Amino acid sequence: IGSYSLAKYTTVDVPLALRRGRNTLVWKIRNLFP
């Protein structure tokens, strides 16, 4: 869908095109300092 910056702590508004039935959204987070 796209790439975003959590570090900058801004409000993000993302359009999603859902299909009929179940839709799966995966959040791939890259944290350099866990």
ModelCIF file with pLDDT and N, C-alpha, C, O atoms, coordinates in Angstrom:
data_MODEL
#
_entry.id   MODEL 
#
_entity.id                         1 
_entity.type                       polymer 
_entity.pdbx_number_of_molecules   1 
#
_entity_poly.entity_id                      1 
_entity_poly.type                           'polypeptide(L)' 
_entity_poly.nstd_linkage                   no 
_entity_poly.nstd_monomer                   no 
_entity_poly.pdbx_seq_one_letter_code       IGSYSLAKYTTVDVPLALRRGRNTLVWKIRNLFP 
_entity_poly.pdbx_seq_one_letter_code_can   IGSYSLAKYTTVDVPLALRRGRNTLVWKIRNLFP 
_entity_poly.pdbx_strand_id                 A 
#
loop_
_entity_poly_seq.entity_id 
_entity_poly_seq.num 
_entity_poly_seq.mon_id 
_entity_poly_seq.hetero 
1 1  ILE n 
1 2  GLY n 
1 3  SER n 
1 4  TYR n 
1 5  SER n 
1 6  LEU n 
1 7  ALA n 
1 8  LYS n 
1 9  TYR n 
1 10 THR n 
1 11 THR n 
1 12 VAL n 
1 13 ASP n 
1 14 VAL n 
1 15 PRO n 
1 16 LEU n 
1 17 ALA n 
1 18 LEU n 
1 19 ARG n 
1 20 ARG n 
1 21 GLY n 
1 22 ARG n 
1 23 ASN n 
1 24 THR n 
1 25 LEU n 
1 26 VAL n 
1 27 TRP n 
1 28 LYS n 
1 29 ILE n 
1 30 ARG n 
1 31 ASN n 
1 32 LEU n 
1 33 PHE n 
1 34 PRO n 
#
_struct_asym.id          A 
_struct_asym.entity_id   1 
#
loop_
_ma_qa_metric.id 
_ma_qa_metric.mode 
_ma_qa_metric.name 
_ma_qa_metric.software_group_id 
_ma_qa_metric.type 
1 global pLDDT . pLDDT 
2 local  pLDDT . pLDDT 
#
_ma_qa_metric_global.metric_id      1 
_ma_qa_metric_global.metric_value   94.74 
_ma_qa_metric_global.model_id       1 
_ma_qa_metric_global.ordinal_id     1 
#
loop_
_ma_qa_metric_local.label_asym_id 
_ma_qa_metric_local.label_comp_id 
_ma_qa_metric_local.label_seq_id 
_ma_qa_metric_local.metric_id 
_ma_qa_metric_local.metric_value 
_ma_qa_metric_local.model_id 
_ma_qa_metric_local.ordinal_id 
A ILE 1  2 95.00 1 1  
A GLY 2  2 95.00 1 2  
A SER 3  2 96.00 1 3  
A TYR 4  2 96.00 1 4  
A SER 5  2 96.00 1 5  
A LEU 6  2 96.00 1 6  
A ALA 7  2 95.00 1 7  
A LYS 8  2 93.00 1 8  
A TYR 9  2 93.00 1 9  
A THR 10 2 92.00 1 10 
A THR 11 2 93.00 1 11 
A VAL 12 2 95.00 1 12 
A ASP 13 2 95.00 1 13 
A VAL 14 2 94.00 1 14 
A PRO 15 2 94.00 1 15 
A LEU 16 2 94.00 1 16 
A ALA 17 2 94.00 1 17 
A LEU 18 2 94.00 1 18 
A ARG 19 2 95.00 1 19 
A ARG 20 2 95.00 1 20 
A GLY 21 2 95.00 1 21 
A ARG 22 2 95.00 1 22 
A ASN 23 2 96.00 1 23 
A THR 24 2 96.00 1 24 
A LEU 25 2 96.00 1 25 
A VAL 26 2 97.00 1 26 
A TRP 27 2 97.00 1 27 
A LYS 28 2 97.00 1 28 
A ILE 29 2 96.00 1 29 
A ARG 30 2 95.00 1 30 
A ASN 31 2 94.00 1 31 
A LEU 32 2 91.00 1 32 
A PHE 33 2 94.00 1 33 
A PRO 34 2 92.00 1 34 
#
loop_
_atom_site.group_PDB 
_atom_site.id 
_atom_site.type_symbol 
_atom_site.label_atom_id 
_atom_site.label_alt_id 
_atom_site.label_comp_id 
_atom_site.label_asym_id 
_atom_site.label_entity_id 
_atom_site.label_seq_id 
_atom_site.pdbx_PDB_ins_code 
_atom_site.Cartn_x 
_atom_site.Cartn_y 
_atom_site.Cartn_z 
_atom_site.occupancy 
_atom_site.B_iso_or_equiv 
_atom_site.pdbx_formal_charge 
_atom_site.auth_seq_id 
_atom_site.auth_comp_id 
_atom_site.auth_asym_id 
_atom_site.auth_atom_id 
_atom_site.pdbx_PDB_model_num 
ATOM 1   N N  . ILE A 1 1  ? 0.834   -1.202  0.000  1.00 95.00 ? 1  ILE A N  1 
ATOM 2   C CA . ILE A 1 1  ? 0.000   0.000   0.000  1.00 95.00 ? 1  ILE A CA 1 
ATOM 3   C C  . ILE A 1 1  ? 0.869   1.252   0.000  1.00 95.00 ? 1  ILE A C  1 
ATOM 4   O O  . ILE A 1 1  ? 0.588   2.209   -0.721 1.00 95.00 ? 1  ILE A O  1 
ATOM 5   N N  . GLY A 1 2  ? 1.915   1.241   0.804  1.00 95.00 ? 2  GLY A N  1 
ATOM 6   C CA . GLY A 1 2  ? 2.796   2.397   0.877  1.00 95.00 ? 2  GLY A CA 1 
ATOM 7   C C  . GLY A 1 2  ? 3.737   2.309   2.057  1.00 95.00 ? 2  GLY A C  1 
ATOM 8   O O  . GLY A 1 2  ? 3.632   1.409   2.891  1.00 95.00 ? 2  GLY A O  1 
ATOM 9   N N  . SER A 1 3  ? 4.677   3.273   2.118  1.00 96.00 ? 3  SER A N  1 
ATOM 10  C CA . SER A 1 3  ? 5.640   3.360   3.215  1.00 96.00 ? 3  SER A CA 1 
ATOM 11  C C  . SER A 1 3  ? 5.429   4.673   3.957  1.00 96.00 ? 3  SER A C  1 
ATOM 12  O O  . SER A 1 3  ? 5.089   5.691   3.354  1.00 96.00 ? 3  SER A O  1 
ATOM 13  N N  . TYR A 1 4  ? 5.636   4.638   5.285  1.00 96.00 ? 4  TYR A N  1 
ATOM 14  C CA . TYR A 1 4  ? 5.304   5.783   6.126  1.00 96.00 ? 4  TYR A CA 1 
ATOM 15  C C  . TYR A 1 4  ? 6.340   5.906   7.249  1.00 96.00 ? 4  TYR A C  1 
ATOM 16  O O  . TYR A 1 4  ? 7.086   4.970   7.539  1.00 96.00 ? 4  TYR A O  1 
ATOM 17  N N  . SER A 1 5  ? 6.361   7.080   7.864  1.00 96.00 ? 5  SER A N  1 
ATOM 18  C CA . SER A 1 5  ? 7.308   7.336   8.953  1.00 96.00 ? 5  SER A CA 1 
ATOM 19  C C  . SER A 1 5  ? 6.570   7.441   10.279 1.00 96.00 ? 5  SER A C  1 
ATOM 20  O O  . SER A 1 5  ? 5.839   8.402   10.519 1.00 96.00 ? 5  SER A O  1 
ATOM 21  N N  . LEU A 1 6  ? 6.763   6.456   11.130 1.00 96.00 ? 6  LEU A N  1 
ATOM 22  C CA . LEU A 1 6  ? 6.242   6.548   12.489 1.00 96.00 ? 6  LEU A CA 1 
ATOM 23  C C  . LEU A 1 6  ? 7.083   7.502   13.329 1.00 96.00 ? 6  LEU A C  1 
ATOM 24  O O  . LEU A 1 6  ? 6.563   8.169   14.224 1.00 96.00 ? 6  LEU A O  1 
ATOM 25  N N  . ALA A 1 7  ? 8.383   7.568   13.041 1.00 95.00 ? 7  ALA A N  1 
ATOM 26  C CA . ALA A 1 7  ? 9.279   8.408   13.835 1.00 95.00 ? 7  ALA A CA 1 
ATOM 27  C C  . ALA A 1 7  ? 8.862   9.868   13.794 1.00 95.00 ? 7  ALA A C  1 
ATOM 28  O O  . ALA A 1 7  ? 9.092   10.600  14.757 1.00 95.00 ? 7  ALA A O  1 
ATOM 29  N N  . LYS A 1 8  ? 8.248   10.309  12.690 1.00 93.00 ? 8  LYS A N  1 
ATOM 30  C CA . LYS A 1 8  ? 7.856   11.718  12.576 1.00 93.00 ? 8  LYS A CA 1 
ATOM 31  C C  . LYS A 1 8  ? 6.524   12.009  13.254 1.00 93.00 ? 8  LYS A C  1 
ATOM 32  O O  . LYS A 1 8  ? 6.141   13.173  13.379 1.00 93.00 ? 8  LYS A O  1 
ATOM 33  N N  . TYR A 1 9  ? 5.817   10.985  13.690 1.00 93.00 ? 9  TYR A N  1 
ATOM 34  C CA . TYR A 1 9  ? 4.608   11.110  14.506 1.00 93.00 ? 9  TYR A CA 1 
ATOM 35  C C  . TYR A 1 9  ? 3.608   12.094  13.890 1.00 93.00 ? 9  TYR A C  1 
ATOM 36  O O  . TYR A 1 9  ? 3.242   13.094  14.508 1.00 93.00 ? 9  TYR A O  1 
ATOM 37  N N  . THR A 1 10 ? 3.183   11.798  12.685 1.00 92.00 ? 10 THR A N  1 
ATOM 38  C CA . THR A 1 10 ? 2.171   12.598  12.007 1.00 92.00 ? 10 THR A CA 1 
ATOM 39  C C  . THR A 1 10 ? 0.915   11.748  11.810 1.00 92.00 ? 10 THR A C  1 
ATOM 40  O O  . THR A 1 10 ? 0.977   10.520  11.846 1.00 92.00 ? 10 THR A O  1 
ATOM 41  N N  . THR A 1 11 ? -0.215  12.406  11.603 1.00 93.00 ? 11 THR A N  1 
ATOM 42  C CA . THR A 1 11 ? -1.452  11.689  11.321 1.00 93.00 ? 11 THR A CA 1 
ATOM 43  C C  . THR A 1 11 ? -1.467  11.299  9.842  1.00 93.00 ? 11 THR A C  1 
ATOM 44  O O  . THR A 1 11 ? -1.298  12.144  8.963  1.00 93.00 ? 11 THR A O  1 
ATOM 45  N N  . VAL A 1 12 ? -1.670  10.016  9.585  1.00 95.00 ? 12 VAL A N  1 
ATOM 46  C CA . VAL A 1 12 ? -1.616  9.473   8.223  1.00 95.00 ? 12 VAL A CA 1 
ATOM 47  C C  . VAL A 1 12 ? -3.019  9.024   7.820  1.00 95.00 ? 12 VAL A C  1 
ATOM 48  O O  . VAL A 1 12 ? -3.716  8.363   8.589  1.00 95.00 ? 12 VAL A O  1 
ATOM 49  N N  . ASP A 1 13 ? -3.419  9.391   6.613  1.00 95.00 ? 13 ASP A N  1 
ATOM 50  C CA . ASP A 1 13 ? -4.737  9.038   6.074  1.00 95.00 ? 13 ASP A CA 1 
ATOM 51  C C  . ASP A 1 13 ? -4.507  8.239   4.796  1.00 95.00 ? 13 ASP A C  1 
ATOM 52  O O  . ASP A 1 13 ? -4.074  8.792   3.785  1.00 95.00 ? 13 ASP A O  1 
ATOM 53  N N  . VAL A 1 14 ? -4.799  6.928   4.839  1.00 94.00 ? 14 VAL A N  1 
ATOM 54  C CA . VAL A 1 14 ? -4.473  6.026   3.736  1.00 94.00 ? 14 VAL A CA 1 
ATOM 55  C C  . VAL A 1 14 ? -5.755  5.453   3.136  1.00 94.00 ? 14 VAL A C  1 
ATOM 56  O O  . VAL A 1 14 ? -6.560  4.874   3.866  1.00 94.00 ? 14 VAL A O  1 
ATOM 57  N N  . PRO A 1 15 ? -5.972  5.600   1.810  1.00 94.00 ? 15 PRO A N  1 
ATOM 58  C CA . PRO A 1 15 ? -7.124  4.952   1.178  1.00 94.00 ? 15 PRO A CA 1 
ATOM 59  C C  . PRO A 1 15 ? -6.880  3.448   1.018  1.00 94.00 ? 15 PRO A C  1 
ATOM 60  O O  . PRO A 1 15 ? -5.799  3.026   0.607  1.00 94.00 ? 15 PRO A O  1 
ATOM 61  N N  . LEU A 1 16 ? -7.884  2.659   1.344  1.00 94.00 ? 16 LEU A N  1 
ATOM 62  C CA . LEU A 1 16 ? -7.803  1.204   1.193  1.00 94.00 ? 16 LEU A CA 1 
ATOM 63  C C  . LEU A 1 16 ? -8.942  0.730   0.289  1.00 94.00 ? 16 LEU A C  1 
ATOM 64  O O  . LEU A 1 16 ? -10.100 1.094   0.494  1.00 94.00 ? 16 LEU A O  1 
ATOM 65  N N  . ALA A 1 17 ? -8.605  -0.074  -0.699 1.00 94.00 ? 17 ALA A N  1 
ATOM 66  C CA . ALA A 1 17 ? -9.620  -0.669  -1.574 1.00 94.00 ? 17 ALA A CA 1 
ATOM 67  C C  . ALA A 1 17 ? -9.877  -2.094  -1.089 1.00 94.00 ? 17 ALA A C  1 
ATOM 68  O O  . ALA A 1 17 ? -9.097  -3.004  -1.370 1.00 94.00 ? 17 ALA A O  1 
ATOM 69  N N  . LEU A 1 18 ? -10.975 -2.279  -0.360 1.00 94.00 ? 18 LEU A N  1 
ATOM 70  C CA . LEU A 1 18 ? -11.291 -3.584  0.206  1.00 94.00 ? 18 LEU A CA 1 
ATOM 71  C C  . LEU A 1 18 ? -12.009 -4.449  -0.828 1.00 94.00 ? 18 LEU A C  1 
ATOM 72  O O  . LEU A 1 18 ? -12.796 -3.959  -1.638 1.00 94.00 ? 18 LEU A O  1 
ATOM 73  N N  . ARG A 1 19 ? -11.720 -5.726  -0.777 1.00 95.00 ? 19 ARG A N  1 
ATOM 74  C CA . ARG A 1 19 ? -12.453 -6.678  -1.604 1.00 95.00 ? 19 ARG A CA 1 
ATOM 75  C C  . ARG A 1 19 ? -13.574 -7.299  -0.770 1.00 95.00 ? 19 ARG A C  1 
ATOM 76  O O  . ARG A 1 19 ? -13.626 -7.115  0.446  1.00 95.00 ? 19 ARG A O  1 
ATOM 77  N N  . ARG A 1 20 ? -14.441 -8.012  -1.413 1.00 95.00 ? 20 ARG A N  1 
ATOM 78  C CA . ARG A 1 20 ? -15.534 -8.675  -0.695 1.00 95.00 ? 20 ARG A CA 1 
ATOM 79  C C  . ARG A 1 20 ? -14.962 -9.766  0.216  1.00 95.00 ? 20 ARG A C  1 
ATOM 80  O O  . ARG A 1 20 ? -14.070 -10.520 -0.171 1.00 95.00 ? 20 ARG A O  1 
ATOM 81  N N  . GLY A 1 21 ? -15.502 -9.827  1.433  1.00 95.00 ? 21 GLY A N  1 
ATOM 82  C CA . GLY A 1 21 ? -15.059 -10.854 2.375  1.00 95.00 ? 21 GLY A CA 1 
ATOM 83  C C  . GLY A 1 21 ? -13.978 -10.337 3.305  1.00 95.00 ? 21 GLY A C  1 
ATOM 84  O O  . GLY A 1 21 ? -13.965 -9.164  3.678  1.00 95.00 ? 21 GLY A O  1 
ATOM 85  N N  . ARG A 1 22 ? -13.079 -11.223 3.669  1.00 95.00 ? 22 ARG A N  1 
ATOM 86  C CA . ARG A 1 22 ? -12.045 -10.859 4.633  1.00 95.00 ? 22 ARG A CA 1 
ATOM 87  C C  . ARG A 1 22 ? -10.859 -10.213 3.933  1.00 95.00 ? 22 ARG A C  1 
ATOM 88  O O  . ARG A 1 22 ? -10.379 -10.696 2.907  1.00 95.00 ? 22 ARG A O  1 
ATOM 89  N N  . ASN A 1 23 ? -10.398 -9.104  4.516  1.00 96.00 ? 23 ASN A N  1 
ATOM 90  C CA . ASN A 1 23 ? -9.222  -8.388  4.026  1.00 96.00 ? 23 ASN A CA 1 
ATOM 91  C C  . ASN A 1 23 ? -8.155  -8.394  5.121  1.00 96.00 ? 23 ASN A C  1 
ATOM 92  O O  . ASN A 1 23 ? -8.448  -8.147  6.291  1.00 96.00 ? 23 ASN A O  1 
ATOM 93  N N  . THR A 1 24 ? -6.928  -8.677  4.729  1.00 96.00 ? 24 THR A N  1 
ATOM 94  C CA . THR A 1 24 ? -5.823  -8.779  5.686  1.00 96.00 ? 24 THR A CA 1 
ATOM 95  C C  . THR A 1 24 ? -4.833  -7.650  5.461  1.00 96.00 ? 24 THR A C  1 
ATOM 96  O O  . THR A 1 24 ? -4.288  -7.488  4.369  1.00 96.00 ? 24 THR A O  1 
ATOM 97  N N  . LEU A 1 25 ? -4.608  -6.867  6.520  1.00 96.00 ? 25 LEU A N  1 
ATOM 98  C CA . LEU A 1 25 ? -3.659  -5.757  6.470  1.00 96.00 ? 25 LEU A CA 1 
ATOM 99  C C  . LEU A 1 25 ? -2.501  -6.077  7.409  1.00 96.00 ? 25 LEU A C  1 
ATOM 100 O O  . LEU A 1 25 ? -2.689  -6.268  8.610  1.00 96.00 ? 25 LEU A O  1 
ATOM 101 N N  . VAL A 1 26 ? -1.295  -6.133  6.835  1.00 97.00 ? 26 VAL A N  1 
ATOM 102 C CA . VAL A 1 26 ? -0.093  -6.474  7.605  1.00 97.00 ? 26 VAL A CA 1 
ATOM 103 C C  . VAL A 1 26 ? 0.749   -5.217  7.811  1.00 97.00 ? 26 VAL A C  1 
ATOM 104 O O  . VAL A 1 26 ? 0.981   -4.451  6.877  1.00 97.00 ? 26 VAL A O  1 
ATOM 105 N N  . TRP A 1 27 ? 1.205   -5.016  9.060  1.00 97.00 ? 27 TRP A N  1 
ATOM 106 C CA . TRP A 1 27 ? 2.014   -3.859  9.431  1.00 97.00 ? 27 TRP A CA 1 
ATOM 107 C C  . TRP A 1 27 ? 3.468   -4.310  9.597  1.00 97.00 ? 27 TRP A C  1 
ATOM 108 O O  . TRP A 1 27 ? 3.815   -4.976  10.572 1.00 97.00 ? 27 TRP A O  1 
ATOM 109 N N  . LYS A 1 28 ? 4.306   -3.938  8.637  1.00 97.00 ? 28 LYS A N  1 
ATOM 110 C CA . LYS A 1 28 ? 5.724   -4.303  8.671  1.00 97.00 ? 28 LYS A CA 1 
ATOM 111 C C  . LYS A 1 28 ? 6.511   -3.125  9.246  1.00 97.00 ? 28 LYS A C  1 
ATOM 112 O O  . LYS A 1 28 ? 6.693   -2.099  8.590  1.00 97.00 ? 28 LYS A O  1 
ATOM 113 N N  . ILE A 1 29 ? 6.969   -3.297  10.477 1.00 96.00 ? 29 ILE A N  1 
ATOM 114 C CA . ILE A 1 29 ? 7.598   -2.212  11.229 1.00 96.00 ? 29 ILE A CA 1 
ATOM 115 C C  . ILE A 1 29 ? 9.107   -2.434  11.305 1.00 96.00 ? 29 ILE A C  1 
ATOM 116 O O  . ILE A 1 29 ? 9.571   -3.524  11.640 1.00 96.00 ? 29 ILE A O  1 
ATOM 117 N N  . ARG A 1 30 ? 9.861   -1.385  10.988 1.00 95.00 ? 30 ARG A N  1 
ATOM 118 C CA . ARG A 1 30 ? 11.327  -1.446  11.093 1.00 95.00 ? 30 ARG A CA 1 
ATOM 119 C C  . ARG A 1 30 ? 11.770  -0.538  12.246 1.00 95.00 ? 30 ARG A C  1 
ATOM 120 O O  . ARG A 1 30 ? 11.866  0.679   12.084 1.00 95.00 ? 30 ARG A O  1 
ATOM 121 N N  . ASN A 1 31 ? 12.029  -1.119  13.372 1.00 94.00 ? 31 ASN A N  1 
ATOM 122 C CA . ASN A 1 31 ? 12.452  -0.380  14.561 1.00 94.00 ? 31 ASN A CA 1 
ATOM 123 C C  . ASN A 1 31 ? 13.947  -0.626  14.765 1.00 94.00 ? 31 ASN A C  1 
ATOM 124 O O  . ASN A 1 31 ? 14.361  -1.750  15.050 1.00 94.00 ? 31 ASN A O  1 
ATOM 125 N N  . LEU A 1 32 ? 14.757  0.431   14.620 1.00 91.00 ? 32 LEU A N  1 
ATOM 126 C CA . LEU A 1 32 ? 16.208  0.290   14.740 1.00 91.00 ? 32 LEU A CA 1 
ATOM 127 C C  . LEU A 1 32 ? 16.676  0.181   16.182 1.00 91.00 ? 32 LEU A C  1 
ATOM 128 O O  . LEU A 1 32 ? 17.799  -0.249  16.442 1.00 91.00 ? 32 LEU A O  1 
ATOM 129 N N  . PHE A 1 33 ? 15.812  0.573   17.126 1.00 94.00 ? 33 PHE A N  1 
ATOM 130 C CA . PHE A 1 33 ? 16.215  0.608   18.532 1.00 94.00 ? 33 PHE A CA 1 
ATOM 131 C C  . PHE A 1 33 ? 15.154  -0.040  19.416 1.00 94.00 ? 33 PHE A C  1 
ATOM 132 O O  . PHE A 1 33 ? 14.602  0.638   20.282 1.00 94.00 ? 33 PHE A O  1 
ATOM 133 N N  . PRO A 1 34 ? 14.849  -1.319  19.234 1.00 92.00 ? 34 PRO A N  1 
ATOM 134 C CA . PRO A 1 34 ? 13.819  -1.941  20.077 1.00 92.00 ? 34 PRO A CA 1 
ATOM 135 C C  . PRO A 1 34 ? 14.239  -1.942  21.545 1.00 92.00 ? 34 PRO A C  1 
ATOM 136 O O  . PRO A 1 34 ? 13.496  -2.426  22.399 1.00 92.00 ? 34 PRO A O  1 
#
